[in-house]
Amino acid sequence: MKLSDAKIGEKIIIAAVGGDARARLESMGVRAGQPAAVERFAPANGALLVRVNGIAVVMRREIARFIEVQRV
């Protein structure tokens, strides 16, 4: 499933990071194998706040669609 489809509070593991933003996301710690959880969604398809391995990361929902995750 895509990170953009995860529910708030759901425990997930990042399976793969793709798209043009891959290098930037990986530099922020968003990499395959890292535990994560969505903490907040902004209204109207805005940004989402994701905690990845204990670090808060904010990204647009369009970017989150390039991140494959698995439920834990």
PDB file of N, CA and C in Angstrom:
ATOM      1  N   MET A   1       0.850  -1.172   0.000  1.00  0.00           N
ATOM      2  CA  MET A   1       0.000   0.000   0.000  1.00  0.00           C
ATOM      3  C   MET A   1       0.890   1.227   0.000  1.00  0.00           C
ATOM      4  N   LYS A   2       0.346   2.347  -0.389  1.00  0.00           N
ATOM      5  CA  LYS A   2       1.083   3.616  -0.427  1.00  0.00           C
ATOM      6  C   LYS A   2       1.007   4.301   0.938  1.00  0.00           C
ATOM      7  N   LEU A   3       2.036   5.043   1.280  1.00  0.00           N
ATOM      8  CA  LEU A   3       2.044   5.793   2.534  1.00  0.00           C
ATOM      9  C   LEU A   3       0.846   6.735   2.600  1.00  0.00           C
ATOM     10  N   SER A   4       0.460   7.302   1.484  1.00  0.00           N
ATOM     11  CA  SER A   4      -0.680   8.224   1.450  1.00  0.00           C
ATOM     12  C   SER A   4      -1.995   7.536   1.820  1.00  0.00           C
ATOM     13  N   ASP A   5      -2.039   6.197   1.787  1.00  0.00           N
ATOM     14  CA  ASP A   5      -3.248   5.440   2.131  1.00  0.00           C
ATOM     15  C   ASP A   5      -3.252   4.947   3.573  1.00  0.00           C
ATOM     16  N   ALA A   6      -2.147   5.097   4.294  1.00  0.00           N
ATOM     17  CA  ALA A   6      -2.071   4.637   5.684  1.00  0.00           C
ATOM     18  C   ALA A   6      -2.983   5.492   6.564  1.00  0.00           C
ATOM     19  N   LYS A   7      -3.449   4.904   7.641  1.00  0.00           N
ATOM     20  CA  LYS A   7      -4.322   5.612   8.575  1.00  0.00           C
ATOM     21  C   LYS A   7      -3.499   6.217   9.710  1.00  0.00           C
ATOM     22  N   ILE A   8      -4.027   7.235  10.332  1.00  0.00           N
ATOM     23  CA  ILE A   8      -3.349   7.876  11.458  1.00  0.00           C
ATOM     24  C   ILE A   8      -3.145   6.853  12.568  1.00  0.00           C
ATOM     25  N   GLY A   9      -1.923   6.780  13.087  1.00  0.00           N
ATOM     26  CA  GLY A   9      -1.585   5.878  14.177  1.00  0.00           C
ATOM     27  C   GLY A   9      -1.232   4.464  13.753  1.00  0.00           C
ATOM     28  N   GLU A  10      -1.449   4.120  12.508  1.00  0.00           N
ATOM     29  CA  GLU A  10      -1.158   2.776  12.025  1.00  0.00           C
ATOM     30  C   GLU A  10       0.354   2.558  11.979  1.00  0.00           C
ATOM     31  N   LYS A  11       0.812   1.457  12.544  1.00  0.00           N
ATOM     32  CA  LYS A  11       2.236   1.119  12.540  1.00  0.00           C
ATOM     33  C   LYS A  11       2.578   0.483  11.192  1.00  0.00           C
ATOM     34  N   ILE A  12       3.611   1.021  10.558  1.00  0.00           N
ATOM     35  CA  ILE A  12       3.999   0.559   9.232  1.00  0.00           C
ATOM     36  C   ILE A  12       5.521   0.455   9.130  1.00  0.00           C
ATOM     37  N   ILE A  13       5.963  -0.229   8.114  1.00  0.00           N
ATOM     38  CA  ILE A  13       7.382  -0.312   7.759  1.00  0.00           C
ATOM     39  C   ILE A  13       7.499   0.189   6.324  1.00  0.00           C
ATOM     40  N   ILE A  14       8.475   1.021   6.059  1.00  0.00           N
ATOM     41  CA  ILE A  14       8.688   1.505   4.698  1.00  0.00           C
ATOM     42  C   ILE A  14       9.288   0.368   3.878  1.00  0.00           C
ATOM     43  N   ALA A  15       8.626   0.026   2.773  1.00  0.00           N
ATOM     44  CA  ALA A  15       9.070  -1.080   1.924  1.00  0.00           C
ATOM     45  C   ALA A  15       9.938  -0.586   0.771  1.00  0.00           C
ATOM     46  N   ALA A  16       9.585   0.558   0.181  1.00  0.00           N
ATOM     47  CA  ALA A  16      10.339   1.092  -0.961  1.00  0.00           C
ATOM     48  C   ALA A  16      10.052   2.574  -1.121  1.00  0.00           C
ATOM     49  N   VAL A  17      11.049   3.295  -1.614  1.00  0.00           N
ATOM     50  CA  VAL A  17      10.906   4.730  -1.887  1.00  0.00           C
ATOM     51  C   VAL A  17      11.237   4.936  -3.358  1.00  0.00           C
ATOM     52  N   GLY A  18      10.325   5.551  -4.099  1.00  0.00           N
ATOM     53  CA  GLY A  18      10.547   5.772  -5.525  1.00  0.00           C
ATOM     54  C   GLY A  18      10.297   7.221  -5.891  1.00  0.00           C
ATOM     55  N   GLY A  19      10.281   7.483  -7.172  1.00  0.00           N
ATOM     56  CA  GLY A  19       9.979   8.823  -7.660  1.00  0.00           C
ATOM     57  C   GLY A  19      11.184   9.748  -7.650  1.00  0.00           C
ATOM     58  N   ASP A  20      10.940  10.960  -8.126  1.00  0.00           N
ATOM     59  CA  ASP A  20      12.005  11.957  -8.250  1.00  0.00           C
ATOM     60  C   ASP A  20      12.543  12.434  -6.909  1.00  0.00           C
ATOM     61  N   ALA A  21      11.760  12.311  -5.854  1.00  0.00           N
ATOM     62  CA  ALA A  21      12.165  12.816  -4.543  1.00  0.00           C
ATOM     63  C   ALA A  21      12.911  11.768  -3.716  1.00  0.00           C
ATOM     64  N   ARG A  22      13.241  10.636  -4.311  1.00  0.00           N
ATOM     65  CA  ARG A  22      13.863   9.542  -3.554  1.00  0.00           C
ATOM     66  C   ARG A  22      15.120   9.978  -2.802  1.00  0.00           C
ATOM     67  N   ALA A  23      16.046  10.634  -3.474  1.00  0.00           N
ATOM     68  CA  ALA A  23      17.303  11.031  -2.823  1.00  0.00           C
ATOM     69  C   ALA A  23      17.035  11.974  -1.657  1.00  0.00           C
ATOM     70  N   ARG A  24      16.123  12.918  -1.854  1.00  0.00           N
ATOM     71  CA  ARG A  24      15.805  13.863  -0.772  1.00  0.00           C
ATOM     72  C   ARG A  24      15.156  13.147   0.408  1.00  0.00           C
ATOM     73  N   LEU A  25      14.205  12.266   0.136  1.00  0.00           N
ATOM     74  CA  LEU A  25      13.543  11.526   1.211  1.00  0.00           C
ATOM     75  C   LEU A  25      14.539  10.653   1.965  1.00  0.00           C
ATOM     76  N   GLU A  26      15.406   9.971   1.240  1.00  0.00           N
ATOM     77  CA  GLU A  26      16.391   9.118   1.902  1.00  0.00           C
ATOM     78  C   GLU A  26      17.358   9.939   2.744  1.00  0.00           C
ATOM     79  N   SER A  27      17.674  11.153   2.319  1.00  0.00           N
ATOM     80  CA  SER A  27      18.553  12.008   3.129  1.00  0.00           C
ATOM     81  C   SER A  27      17.880  12.435   4.432  1.00  0.00           C
ATOM     82  N   MET A  28      16.544  12.385   4.470  1.00  0.00           N
ATOM     83  CA  MET A  28      15.794  12.722   5.686  1.00  0.00           C
ATOM     84  C   MET A  28      15.492  11.480   6.520  1.00  0.00           C
ATOM     85  N   GLY A  29      16.017  10.312   6.101  1.00  0.00           N
ATOM     86  CA  GLY A  29      15.822   9.092   6.868  1.00  0.00           C
ATOM     87  C   GLY A  29      14.659   8.236   6.415  1.00  0.00           C
ATOM     88  N   VAL A  30      13.980   8.641   5.351  1.00  0.00           N
ATOM     89  CA  VAL A  30      12.857   7.866   4.826  1.00  0.00           C
ATOM     90  C   VAL A  30      13.433   6.832   3.869  1.00  0.00           C
ATOM     91  N   ARG A  31      13.707   5.623   4.413  1.00  0.00           N
ATOM     92  CA  ARG A  31      14.347   4.551   3.641  1.00  0.00           C
ATOM     93  C   ARG A  31      13.631   3.232   3.888  1.00  0.00           C
ATOM     94  N   ALA A  32      13.817   2.323   2.969  1.00  0.00           N
ATOM     95  CA  ALA A  32      13.247   0.985   3.115  1.00  0.00           C
ATOM     96  C   ALA A  32      13.738   0.352   4.410  1.00  0.00           C
ATOM     97  N   GLY A  33      12.825  -0.318   5.097  1.00  0.00           N
ATOM     98  CA  GLY A  33      13.151  -1.017   6.334  1.00  0.00           C
ATOM     99  C   GLY A  33      12.925  -0.209   7.596  1.00  0.00           C
ATOM    100  N   GLN A  34      12.671   1.084   7.471  1.00  0.00           N
ATOM    101  CA  GLN A  34      12.490   1.943   8.646  1.00  0.00           C
ATOM    102  C   GLN A  34      11.052   1.870   9.160  1.00  0.00           C
ATOM    103  N   PRO A  35      10.870   1.797  10.489  1.00  0.00           N
ATOM    104  CA  PRO A  35       9.517   1.838  11.051  1.00  0.00           C
ATOM    105  C   PRO A  35       8.957   3.250  10.945  1.00  0.00           C
ATOM    106  N   ALA A  36       7.644   3.347  10.779  1.00  0.00           N
ATOM    107  CA  ALA A  36       7.017   4.659  10.623  1.00  0.00           C
ATOM    108  C   ALA A  36       5.577   4.612  11.114  1.00  0.00           C
ATOM    109  N   ALA A  37       4.993   5.792  11.277  1.00  0.00           N
ATOM    110  CA  ALA A  37       3.572   5.931  11.616  1.00  0.00           C
ATOM    111  C   ALA A  37       3.112   7.311  11.177  1.00  0.00           C
ATOM    112  N   VAL A  38       1.926   7.374  10.572  1.00  0.00           N
ATOM    113  CA  VAL A  38       1.341   8.663  10.207  1.00  0.00           C
ATOM    114  C   VAL A  38       0.766   9.283  11.474  1.00  0.00           C
ATOM    115  N   GLU A  39       1.129  10.529  11.753  1.00  0.00           N
ATOM    116  CA  GLU A  39       0.622  11.215  12.941  1.00  0.00           C
ATOM    117  C   GLU A  39      -0.493  12.193  12.624  1.00  0.00           C
ATOM    118  N   ARG A  40      -0.451  12.789  11.431  1.00  0.00           N
ATOM    119  CA  ARG A  40      -1.432  13.819  11.103  1.00  0.00           C
ATOM    120  C   ARG A  40      -1.549  14.004   9.599  1.00  0.00           C
ATOM    121  N   PHE A  41      -2.767  14.289   9.144  1.00  0.00           N
ATOM    122  CA  PHE A  41      -3.030  14.678   7.758  1.00  0.00           C
ATOM    123  C   PHE A  41      -3.539  16.102   7.765  1.00  0.00           C
ATOM    124  N   ALA A  42      -3.040  16.941   6.883  1.00  0.00           N
ATOM    125  CA  ALA A  42      -3.603  18.284   6.712  1.00  0.00           C
ATOM    126  C   ALA A  42      -4.886  18.144   5.897  1.00  0.00           C
ATOM    127  N   PRO A  43      -5.842  19.037   6.095  1.00  0.00           N
ATOM    128  CA  PRO A  43      -7.102  18.942   5.354  1.00  0.00           C
ATOM    129  C   PRO A  43      -6.912  19.184   3.855  1.00  0.00           C
ATOM    130  N   ALA A  44      -7.888  18.742   3.094  1.00  0.00           N
ATOM    131  CA  ALA A  44      -7.958  18.983   1.648  1.00  0.00           C
ATOM    132  C   ALA A  44      -6.740  18.452   0.891  1.00  0.00           C
ATOM    133  N   ASN A  45      -6.375  17.195   1.179  1.00  0.00           N
ATOM    134  CA  ASN A  45      -5.246  16.558   0.481  1.00  0.00           C
ATOM    135  C   ASN A  45      -3.942  17.328   0.616  1.00  0.00           C
ATOM    136  N   GLY A  46      -3.715  17.917   1.758  1.00  0.00           N
ATOM    137  CA  GLY A  46      -2.491  18.669   2.001  1.00  0.00           C
ATOM    138  C   GLY A  46      -1.360  17.765   2.449  1.00  0.00           C
ATOM    139  N   ALA A  47      -0.519  18.290   3.308  1.00  0.00           N
ATOM    140  CA  ALA A  47       0.664  17.572   3.781  1.00  0.00           C
ATOM    141  C   ALA A  47       0.299  16.532   4.838  1.00  0.00           C
ATOM    142  N   LEU A  48       1.240  15.633   5.094  1.00  0.00           N
ATOM    143  CA  LEU A  48       1.075  14.708   6.196  1.00  0.00           C
ATOM    144  C   LEU A  48       2.333  14.700   7.043  1.00  0.00           C
ATOM    145  N   LEU A  49       2.133  14.468   8.321  1.00  0.00           N
ATOM    146  CA  LEU A  49       3.224  14.364   9.280  1.00  0.00           C
ATOM    147  C   LEU A  49       3.422  12.889   9.565  1.00  0.00           C
ATOM    148  N   VAL A  50       4.634  12.411   9.307  1.00  0.00           N
ATOM    149  CA  VAL A  50       4.975  11.008   9.495  1.00  0.00           C
ATOM    150  C   VAL A  50       6.163  10.929  10.433  1.00  0.00           C
ATOM    151  N   ARG A  51       6.107  10.034  11.398  1.00  0.00           N
ATOM    152  CA  ARG A  51       7.254   9.804  12.267  1.00  0.00           C
ATOM    153  C   ARG A  51       7.968   8.573  11.726  1.00  0.00           C
ATOM    154  N   VAL A  52       9.210   8.776  11.265  1.00  0.00           N
ATOM    155  CA  VAL A  52      10.013   7.703  10.678  1.00  0.00           C
ATOM    156  C   VAL A  52      11.193   7.447  11.598  1.00  0.00           C
ATOM    157  N   ASN A  53      11.216   6.250  12.202  1.00  0.00           N
ATOM    158  CA  ASN A  53      12.297   5.878  13.108  1.00  0.00           C
ATOM    159  C   ASN A  53      12.522   6.956  14.172  1.00  0.00           C
ATOM    160  N   GLY A  54      11.411   7.533  14.666  1.00  0.00           N
ATOM    161  CA  GLY A  54      11.479   8.523  15.735  1.00  0.00           C
ATOM    162  C   GLY A  54      11.647   9.960  15.279  1.00  0.00           C
ATOM    163  N   ILE A  55      11.811  10.198  13.987  1.00  0.00           N
ATOM    164  CA  ILE A  55      12.027  11.551  13.464  1.00  0.00           C
ATOM    165  C   ILE A  55      10.773  12.020  12.734  1.00  0.00           C
ATOM    166  N   ALA A  56      10.303  13.224  13.060  1.00  0.00           N
ATOM    167  CA  ALA A  56       9.120  13.785  12.404  1.00  0.00           C
ATOM    168  C   ALA A  56       9.491  14.304  11.020  1.00  0.00           C
ATOM    169  N   VAL A  57       8.740  13.865  10.016  1.00  0.00           N
ATOM    170  CA  VAL A  57       8.964  14.277   8.629  1.00  0.00           C
ATOM    171  C   VAL A  57       7.627  14.747   8.061  1.00  0.00           C
ATOM    172  N   VAL A  58       7.619  15.935   7.471  1.00  0.00           N
ATOM    173  CA  VAL A  58       6.419  16.465   6.822  1.00  0.00           C
ATOM    174  C   VAL A  58       6.624  16.393   5.316  1.00  0.00           C
ATOM    175  N   MET A  59       5.604  15.892   4.619  1.00  0.00           N
ATOM    176  CA  MET A  59       5.693  15.798   3.155  1.00  0.00           C
ATOM    177  C   MET A  59       4.323  15.994   2.539  1.00  0.00           C
ATOM    178  N   ARG A  60       4.332  16.382   1.272  1.00  0.00           N
ATOM    179  CA  ARG A  60       3.075  16.507   0.538  1.00  0.00           C
ATOM    180  C   ARG A  60       2.519  15.118   0.249  1.00  0.00           C
ATOM    181  N   ARG A  61       1.218  15.047   0.149  1.00  0.00           N
ATOM    182  CA  ARG A  61       0.563  13.771  -0.138  1.00  0.00           C
ATOM    183  C   ARG A  61       1.017  13.207  -1.494  1.00  0.00           C
ATOM    184  N   GLU A  62       1.304  14.075  -2.460  1.00  0.00           N
ATOM    185  CA  GLU A  62       1.773  13.602  -3.771  1.00  0.00           C
ATOM    186  C   GLU A  62       3.088  12.838  -3.645  1.00  0.00           C
ATOM    187  N   ILE A  63       3.953  13.284  -2.748  1.00  0.00           N
ATOM    188  CA  ILE A  63       5.234  12.598  -2.512  1.00  0.00           C
ATOM    189  C   ILE A  63       4.988  11.276  -1.788  1.00  0.00           C
ATOM    190  N   ALA A  64       4.063  11.268  -0.835  1.00  0.00           N
ATOM    191  CA  ALA A  64       3.761  10.054  -0.066  1.00  0.00           C
ATOM    192  C   ALA A  64       3.252   8.930  -0.963  1.00  0.00           C
ATOM    193  N   ARG A  65       2.723   9.266  -2.121  1.00  0.00           N
ATOM    194  CA  ARG A  65       2.237   8.239  -3.057  1.00  0.00           C
ATOM    195  C   ARG A  65       3.383   7.447  -3.692  1.00  0.00           C
ATOM    196  N   PHE A  66       4.607   7.950  -3.595  1.00  0.00           N
ATOM    197  CA  PHE A  66       5.770   7.242  -4.135  1.00  0.00           C
ATOM    198  C   PHE A  66       6.418   6.320  -3.103  1.00  0.00           C
ATOM    199  N   ILE A  67       5.864   6.260  -1.899  1.00  0.00           N
ATOM    200  CA  ILE A  67       6.449   5.460  -0.821  1.00  0.00           C
ATOM    201  C   ILE A  67       5.553   4.256  -0.547  1.00  0.00           C
ATOM    202  N   GLU A  68       6.092   3.069  -0.769  1.00  0.00           N
ATOM    203  CA  GLU A  68       5.374   1.824  -0.490  1.00  0.00           C
ATOM    204  C   GLU A  68       5.624   1.437   0.963  1.00  0.00           C
ATOM    205  N   VAL A  69       4.565   1.043   1.663  1.00  0.00           N
ATOM    206  CA  VAL A  69       4.684   0.637   3.060  1.00  0.00           C
ATOM    207  C   VAL A  69       3.949  -0.679   3.283  1.00  0.00           C
ATOM    208  N   GLN A  70       4.278  -1.322   4.397  1.00  0.00           N
ATOM    209  CA  GLN A  70       3.595  -2.549   4.817  1.00  0.00           C
ATOM    210  C   GLN A  70       3.132  -2.360   6.249  1.00  0.00           C
ATOM    211  N   ARG A  71       1.954  -2.875   6.549  1.00  0.00           N
ATOM    212  CA  ARG A  71       1.460  -2.834   7.935  1.00  0.00           C
ATOM    213  C   ARG A  71       2.282  -3.785   8.793  1.00  0.00           C
ATOM    214  N   VAL A  72       2.448  -3.403  10.048  1.00  0.00           N
ATOM    215  CA  VAL A  72       3.185  -4.256  10.990  1.00  0.00           C
ATOM    216  C   VAL A  72       2.187  -5.102  11.749  1.00  0.00           C
TER     217      VAL A  72
END
